[in-house]
Amino acid sequence: MKALTLALLLSLPVPQLAPPKPMRQPSTPISKHAKGGRWYFAASGHAVFCYGPVMTVPRANGDLQRVATFCRDGSAVVPLKD
């Protein structure tokens, strides 16, 4: 009986342990600008870290508004507090 159990155990396939695959870096536009950036004070009252330039864009009523572009939170444009 022991011989039969031993033969059965030895006939089972043994899984090969492979090293874990390295994590792939995301290829988003934000990850390309990860070297530089700057903190800004958003109009909502929060601090945001953005990689792109600060631009002046027109509002719906005709006034101009400063915005930061390509922010870490995934926003393309964040209005800034003046």
C-alpha atoms as a PDB file:
ATOM      1  CA  MET A   1       0.000   0.000   0.000  1.00  0.00           C
ATOM      2  CA  LYS A   2       2.877   2.369   0.826  1.00  0.00           C
ATOM      3  CA  ALA A   3       4.514   1.591  -2.500  1.00  0.00           C
ATOM      4  CA  LEU A   4       1.285   2.357  -4.354  1.00  0.00           C
ATOM      5  CA  THR A   5       0.884   5.690  -2.527  1.00  0.00           C
ATOM      6  CA  LEU A   6       4.517   6.607  -3.193  1.00  0.00           C
ATOM      7  CA  ALA A   7       4.189   5.740  -6.887  1.00  0.00           C
ATOM      8  CA  LEU A   8       1.031   7.823  -7.144  1.00  0.00           C
ATOM      9  CA  LEU A   9       2.692  10.841  -5.503  1.00  0.00           C
ATOM     10  CA  LEU A  10       5.746  10.609  -7.752  1.00  0.00           C
ATOM     11  CA  SER A  11       3.607  10.406 -10.883  1.00  0.00           C
ATOM     12  CA  LEU A  12       1.890  13.750 -10.186  1.00  0.00           C
ATOM     13  CA  PRO A  13       3.176  16.711 -12.202  1.00  0.00           C
ATOM     14  CA  VAL A  14       5.367  19.170 -10.315  1.00  0.00           C
ATOM     15  CA  PRO A  15       4.630  22.843 -11.040  1.00  0.00           C
ATOM     16  CA  GLN A  16       7.620  24.915 -12.087  1.00  0.00           C
ATOM     17  CA  LEU A  17       8.156  28.028  -9.981  1.00  0.00           C
ATOM     18  CA  ALA A  18       8.828  30.919 -12.329  1.00  0.00           C
ATOM     19  CA  PRO A  19      10.143  34.279 -11.125  1.00  0.00           C
ATOM     20  CA  PRO A  20       7.452  36.972 -10.957  1.00  0.00           C
ATOM     21  CA  LYS A  21       7.086  39.084 -14.061  1.00  0.00           C
ATOM     22  CA  PRO A  22       8.291  42.675 -13.678  1.00  0.00           C
ATOM     23  CA  MET A  23       5.536  45.276 -13.570  1.00  0.00           C
ATOM     24  CA  ARG A  24       5.202  47.258 -16.786  1.00  0.00           C
ATOM     25  CA  GLN A  25       5.314  51.031 -16.456  1.00  0.00           C
ATOM     26  CA  PRO A  26       2.201  52.817 -17.735  1.00  0.00           C
ATOM     27  CA  SER A  27       2.701  54.651 -20.993  1.00  0.00           C
ATOM     28  CA  THR A  28       0.390  57.569 -20.287  1.00  0.00           C
ATOM     29  CA  PRO A  29       1.356  61.133 -21.202  1.00  0.00           C
ATOM     30  CA  ILE A  30       1.641  61.919 -17.501  1.00  0.00           C
ATOM     31  CA  SER A  31       4.271  59.240 -16.896  1.00  0.00           C
ATOM     32  CA  LYS A  32       6.458  60.778 -19.608  1.00  0.00           C
ATOM     33  CA  HIS A  33       6.578  64.062 -17.652  1.00  0.00           C
ATOM     34  CA  ALA A  34       7.310  62.433 -14.283  1.00  0.00           C
ATOM     35  CA  LYS A  35      10.726  64.094 -13.947  1.00  0.00           C
ATOM     36  CA  GLY A  36       9.488  67.649 -13.477  1.00  0.00           C
ATOM     37  CA  GLY A  37       6.439  69.395 -12.212  1.00  0.00           C
ATOM     38  CA  ARG A  38       5.204  71.961  -9.768  1.00  0.00           C
ATOM     39  CA  TRP A  39       2.620  72.385  -7.003  1.00  0.00           C
ATOM     40  CA  TYR A  40      -0.229  74.818  -7.652  1.00  0.00           C
ATOM     41  CA  PHE A  41      -3.142  76.090  -5.566  1.00  0.00           C
ATOM     42  CA  ALA A  42      -6.359  75.127  -7.335  1.00  0.00           C
ATOM     43  CA  ALA A  43      -9.501  77.266  -7.330  1.00  0.00           C
ATOM     44  CA  SER A  44     -11.209  74.458  -5.386  1.00  0.00           C
ATOM     45  CA  GLY A  45      -8.829  75.112  -2.468  1.00  0.00           C
ATOM     46  CA  HIS A  46      -6.653  72.015  -2.923  1.00  0.00           C
ATOM     47  CA  ALA A  47      -3.006  71.724  -3.882  1.00  0.00           C
ATOM     48  CA  VAL A  48      -2.370  69.975  -7.209  1.00  0.00           C
ATOM     49  CA  PHE A  49       0.860  68.763  -8.786  1.00  0.00           C
ATOM     50  CA  CYS A  50       0.984  69.488 -12.519  1.00  0.00           C
ATOM     51  CA  TYR A  51       3.536  68.743 -15.209  1.00  0.00           C
ATOM     52  CA  GLY A  52       2.374  70.965 -18.063  1.00  0.00           C
ATOM     53  CA  PRO A  53       2.515  74.710 -18.588  1.00  0.00           C
ATOM     54  CA  VAL A  54       0.208  77.265 -17.000  1.00  0.00           C
ATOM     55  CA  MET A  55      -2.122  78.750 -19.598  1.00  0.00           C
ATOM     56  CA  THR A  56      -4.666  81.558 -19.724  1.00  0.00           C
ATOM     57  CA  VAL A  57      -7.981  80.488 -21.237  1.00  0.00           C
ATOM     58  CA  PRO A  58     -11.235  82.430 -21.717  1.00  0.00           C
ATOM     59  CA  ARG A  59     -14.231  81.611 -19.522  1.00  0.00           C
ATOM     60  CA  ALA A  60     -17.777  81.354 -20.828  1.00  0.00           C
ATOM     61  CA  ASN A  61     -18.554  84.949 -19.745  1.00  0.00           C
ATOM     62  CA  GLY A  62     -15.470  86.375 -21.527  1.00  0.00           C
ATOM     63  CA  ASP A  63     -13.125  86.724 -18.533  1.00  0.00           C
ATOM     64  CA  LEU A  64      -9.690  85.125 -18.596  1.00  0.00           C
ATOM     65  CA  GLN A  65      -8.744  82.315 -16.233  1.00  0.00           C
ATOM     66  CA  ARG A  66      -5.341  80.770 -15.423  1.00  0.00           C
ATOM     67  CA  VAL A  67      -5.227  76.975 -15.569  1.00  0.00           C
ATOM     68  CA  ALA A  68      -2.546  74.365 -14.940  1.00  0.00           C
ATOM     69  CA  THR A  69      -2.305  71.499 -17.421  1.00  0.00           C
ATOM     70  CA  PHE A  70      -1.547  67.745 -17.193  1.00  0.00           C
ATOM     71  CA  CYS A  71      -1.959  67.206 -13.464  1.00  0.00           C
ATOM     72  CA  ARG A  72      -1.102  64.122 -11.431  1.00  0.00           C
ATOM     73  CA  ASP A  73      -4.714  63.366 -10.525  1.00  0.00           C
ATOM     74  CA  GLY A  74      -5.459  62.715 -14.212  1.00  0.00           C
ATOM     75  CA  SER A  75      -7.032  66.080 -14.956  1.00  0.00           C
ATOM     76  CA  ALA A  76      -6.010  67.731 -18.189  1.00  0.00           C
ATOM     77  CA  VAL A  77      -6.895  71.251 -16.984  1.00  0.00           C
ATOM     78  CA  VAL A  78      -7.255  72.560 -13.400  1.00  0.00           C
ATOM     79  CA  PRO A  79      -8.418  76.155 -12.736  1.00  0.00           C
ATOM     80  CA  LEU A  80      -6.002  78.020 -10.454  1.00  0.00           C
ATOM     81  CA  LYS A  81      -6.728  80.410  -7.625  1.00  0.00           C
ATOM     82  CA  ASP A  82      -5.521  83.936  -8.440  1.00  0.00           C
END
